[in-house]
Amino acid sequence: MSIRLIAKDLYRIINEVEKLEKEMENAPFEKRETMENKLRKARAEERQIRAMLDAKKEPPQRSIL
């Protein structure tokens, strides 16, 4: 996957996390647990995608022989 596609995916999930956080502020108590689960999963996906992007950006390590 190219860096551009990973970055687009990261942008999408960041927006989703922000949207869920805003919804949580106004959510009724009955829906909070469900929303917390969605938010936890979205944050985990964000961390995973960010790690993928960081790994793509790092230059390959040279072996010293």
N, C-alpha and C. Protein backbone atom coordinates (compact mmCIF):
# COMPACT_ATOMS: atom_id res chain seq x y z
N MET A 1 0.85 -1.17 0.00
CA MET A 1 0.00 0.00 0.00
C MET A 1 0.90 1.24 0.00
N SER A 2 0.55 2.21 -0.80
CA SER A 2 1.38 3.40 -0.91
C SER A 2 1.18 4.33 0.28
N ILE A 3 2.14 5.20 0.48
CA ILE A 3 2.07 6.16 1.58
C ILE A 3 0.84 7.04 1.43
N ARG A 4 0.53 7.42 0.21
CA ARG A 4 -0.63 8.30 -0.03
C ARG A 4 -1.93 7.63 0.42
N LEU A 5 -2.11 6.36 0.10
CA LEU A 5 -3.33 5.65 0.49
C LEU A 5 -3.40 5.47 2.01
N ILE A 6 -2.27 5.18 2.63
CA ILE A 6 -2.23 5.03 4.08
C ILE A 6 -2.58 6.37 4.74
N ALA A 7 -2.03 7.46 4.20
CA ALA A 7 -2.31 8.79 4.75
C ALA A 7 -3.78 9.14 4.62
N LYS A 8 -4.38 8.81 3.49
CA LYS A 8 -5.81 9.07 3.30
C LYS A 8 -6.65 8.27 4.30
N ASP A 9 -6.26 7.03 4.52
CA ASP A 9 -6.97 6.19 5.48
C ASP A 9 -6.81 6.75 6.90
N LEU A 10 -5.62 7.22 7.21
CA LEU A 10 -5.38 7.82 8.52
C LEU A 10 -6.23 9.07 8.70
N TYR A 11 -6.30 9.89 7.69
CA TYR A 11 -7.13 11.10 7.74
C TYR A 11 -8.60 10.75 7.98
N ARG A 12 -9.07 9.71 7.29
CA ARG A 12 -10.45 9.27 7.45
C ARG A 12 -10.73 8.82 8.87
N ILE A 13 -9.84 8.03 9.44
CA ILE A 13 -10.08 7.50 10.79
C ILE A 13 -9.93 8.59 11.85
N ILE A 14 -9.04 9.55 11.62
CA ILE A 14 -8.91 10.68 12.56
C ILE A 14 -10.22 11.46 12.60
N ASN A 15 -10.81 11.70 11.43
CA ASN A 15 -12.09 12.40 11.38
C ASN A 15 -13.19 11.59 12.07
N GLU A 16 -13.15 10.28 11.89
CA GLU A 16 -14.15 9.43 12.54
C GLU A 16 -14.01 9.47 14.06
N VAL A 17 -12.78 9.43 14.55
CA VAL A 17 -12.54 9.51 16.00
C VAL A 17 -13.06 10.83 16.54
N GLU A 18 -12.76 11.92 15.86
CA GLU A 18 -13.23 13.23 16.30
C GLU A 18 -14.76 13.30 16.33
N LYS A 19 -15.39 12.73 15.31
CA LYS A 19 -16.85 12.71 15.23
C LYS A 19 -17.43 11.92 16.40
N LEU A 20 -16.85 10.76 16.67
CA LEU A 20 -17.34 9.92 17.77
C LEU A 20 -17.15 10.61 19.12
N GLU A 21 -16.03 11.31 19.29
CA GLU A 21 -15.79 12.03 20.54
C GLU A 21 -16.85 13.11 20.75
N LYS A 22 -17.20 13.83 19.69
CA LYS A 22 -18.22 14.87 19.80
C LYS A 22 -19.58 14.27 20.11
N GLU A 23 -19.89 13.14 19.46
CA GLU A 23 -21.16 12.48 19.71
C GLU A 23 -21.26 11.97 21.15
N MET A 24 -20.12 11.53 21.69
CA MET A 24 -20.09 11.03 23.07
C MET A 24 -20.47 12.12 24.06
N GLU A 25 -20.06 13.34 23.79
CA GLU A 25 -20.35 14.45 24.70
C GLU A 25 -21.84 14.65 24.88
N ASN A 26 -22.61 14.45 23.82
CA ASN A 26 -24.05 14.71 23.85
C ASN A 26 -24.89 13.43 23.93
N ALA A 27 -24.25 12.29 24.02
CA ALA A 27 -24.98 11.03 23.99
C ALA A 27 -25.70 10.77 25.30
N PRO A 28 -26.88 10.18 25.21
CA PRO A 28 -27.57 9.79 26.44
C PRO A 28 -26.84 8.64 27.12
N PHE A 29 -27.05 8.49 28.39
CA PHE A 29 -26.35 7.49 29.18
C PHE A 29 -26.51 6.08 28.61
N GLU A 30 -27.68 5.77 28.09
CA GLU A 30 -27.97 4.42 27.59
C GLU A 30 -27.08 4.05 26.40
N LYS A 31 -26.66 5.02 25.63
CA LYS A 31 -25.88 4.75 24.43
C LYS A 31 -24.37 4.90 24.65
N ARG A 32 -23.98 5.35 25.81
CA ARG A 32 -22.55 5.61 26.05
C ARG A 32 -21.67 4.38 25.91
N GLU A 33 -22.10 3.26 26.46
CA GLU A 33 -21.27 2.06 26.41
C GLU A 33 -21.01 1.62 24.97
N THR A 34 -22.04 1.64 24.15
CA THR A 34 -21.89 1.27 22.74
C THR A 34 -20.96 2.24 22.03
N MET A 35 -21.12 3.52 22.32
CA MET A 35 -20.28 4.53 21.68
C MET A 35 -18.84 4.44 22.16
N GLU A 36 -18.64 4.11 23.44
CA GLU A 36 -17.28 3.95 23.95
C GLU A 36 -16.58 2.81 23.24
N ASN A 37 -17.32 1.73 22.98
CA ASN A 37 -16.73 0.59 22.24
C ASN A 37 -16.34 0.98 20.83
N LYS A 38 -17.22 1.72 20.16
CA LYS A 38 -16.90 2.19 18.80
C LYS A 38 -15.68 3.09 18.82
N LEU A 39 -15.62 3.98 19.81
CA LEU A 39 -14.51 4.91 19.91
C LEU A 39 -13.21 4.17 20.20
N ARG A 40 -13.26 3.18 21.07
CA ARG A 40 -12.06 2.40 21.41
C ARG A 40 -11.54 1.68 20.16
N LYS A 41 -12.45 1.10 19.37
CA LYS A 41 -12.04 0.41 18.14
C LYS A 41 -11.46 1.38 17.12
N ALA A 42 -12.08 2.55 17.00
CA ALA A 42 -11.58 3.55 16.05
C ALA A 42 -10.20 4.04 16.45
N ARG A 43 -9.99 4.25 17.74
CA ARG A 43 -8.67 4.69 18.21
C ARG A 43 -7.61 3.62 17.97
N ALA A 44 -7.98 2.36 18.17
CA ALA A 44 -7.04 1.26 17.91
C ALA A 44 -6.68 1.21 16.42
N GLU A 45 -7.68 1.41 15.57
CA GLU A 45 -7.42 1.43 14.13
C GLU A 45 -6.52 2.61 13.77
N GLU A 46 -6.76 3.76 14.41
CA GLU A 46 -5.92 4.93 14.16
C GLU A 46 -4.46 4.64 14.53
N ARG A 47 -4.25 4.03 15.69
CA ARG A 47 -2.87 3.69 16.10
C ARG A 47 -2.22 2.74 15.11
N GLN A 48 -2.99 1.75 14.64
CA GLN A 48 -2.46 0.78 13.71
C GLN A 48 -2.08 1.43 12.37
N ILE A 49 -2.94 2.28 11.87
CA ILE A 49 -2.67 2.95 10.59
C ILE A 49 -1.50 3.92 10.74
N ARG A 50 -1.44 4.63 11.87
CA ARG A 50 -0.33 5.55 12.11
C ARG A 50 1.00 4.79 12.16
N ALA A 51 0.99 3.61 12.77
CA ALA A 51 2.20 2.78 12.82
C ALA A 51 2.60 2.33 11.42
N MET A 52 1.62 1.98 10.60
CA MET A 52 1.92 1.58 9.21
C MET A 52 2.55 2.74 8.46
N LEU A 53 2.00 3.93 8.64
CA LEU A 53 2.52 5.11 7.95
C LEU A 53 3.94 5.42 8.42
N ASP A 54 4.16 5.36 9.72
CA ASP A 54 5.50 5.61 10.26
C ASP A 54 6.52 4.60 9.73
N ALA A 55 6.10 3.35 9.62
CA ALA A 55 7.00 2.31 9.11
C ALA A 55 7.35 2.56 7.65
N LYS A 56 6.40 3.05 6.87
CA LYS A 56 6.66 3.35 5.46
C LYS A 56 7.60 4.54 5.31
N LYS A 57 7.53 5.48 6.25
CA LYS A 57 8.34 6.70 6.14
C LYS A 57 9.79 6.48 6.56
N GLU A 58 10.05 5.48 7.40
CA GLU A 58 11.41 5.24 7.87
C GLU A 58 12.27 4.70 6.73
N PRO A 59 13.47 5.22 6.59
CA PRO A 59 14.36 4.69 5.55
C PRO A 59 14.82 3.28 5.92
N PRO A 60 15.07 2.44 4.95
CA PRO A 60 15.54 1.09 5.26
C PRO A 60 16.89 1.15 5.96
N GLN A 61 17.07 0.28 6.93
CA GLN A 61 18.33 0.25 7.67
C GLN A 61 19.38 -0.49 6.88
N ARG A 62 20.57 0.05 6.91
CA ARG A 62 21.69 -0.58 6.22
C ARG A 62 22.40 -1.50 7.19
N SER A 63 22.76 -2.64 6.70
CA SER A 63 23.52 -3.56 7.56
C SER A 63 25.00 -3.20 7.43
N ILE A 64 25.66 -3.29 8.54
CA ILE A 64 27.10 -2.98 8.57
C ILE A 64 27.85 -4.30 8.55
N LEU A 65 28.51 -4.55 7.45
CA LEU A 65 29.29 -5.79 7.31
C LEU A 65 30.71 -5.49 6.98
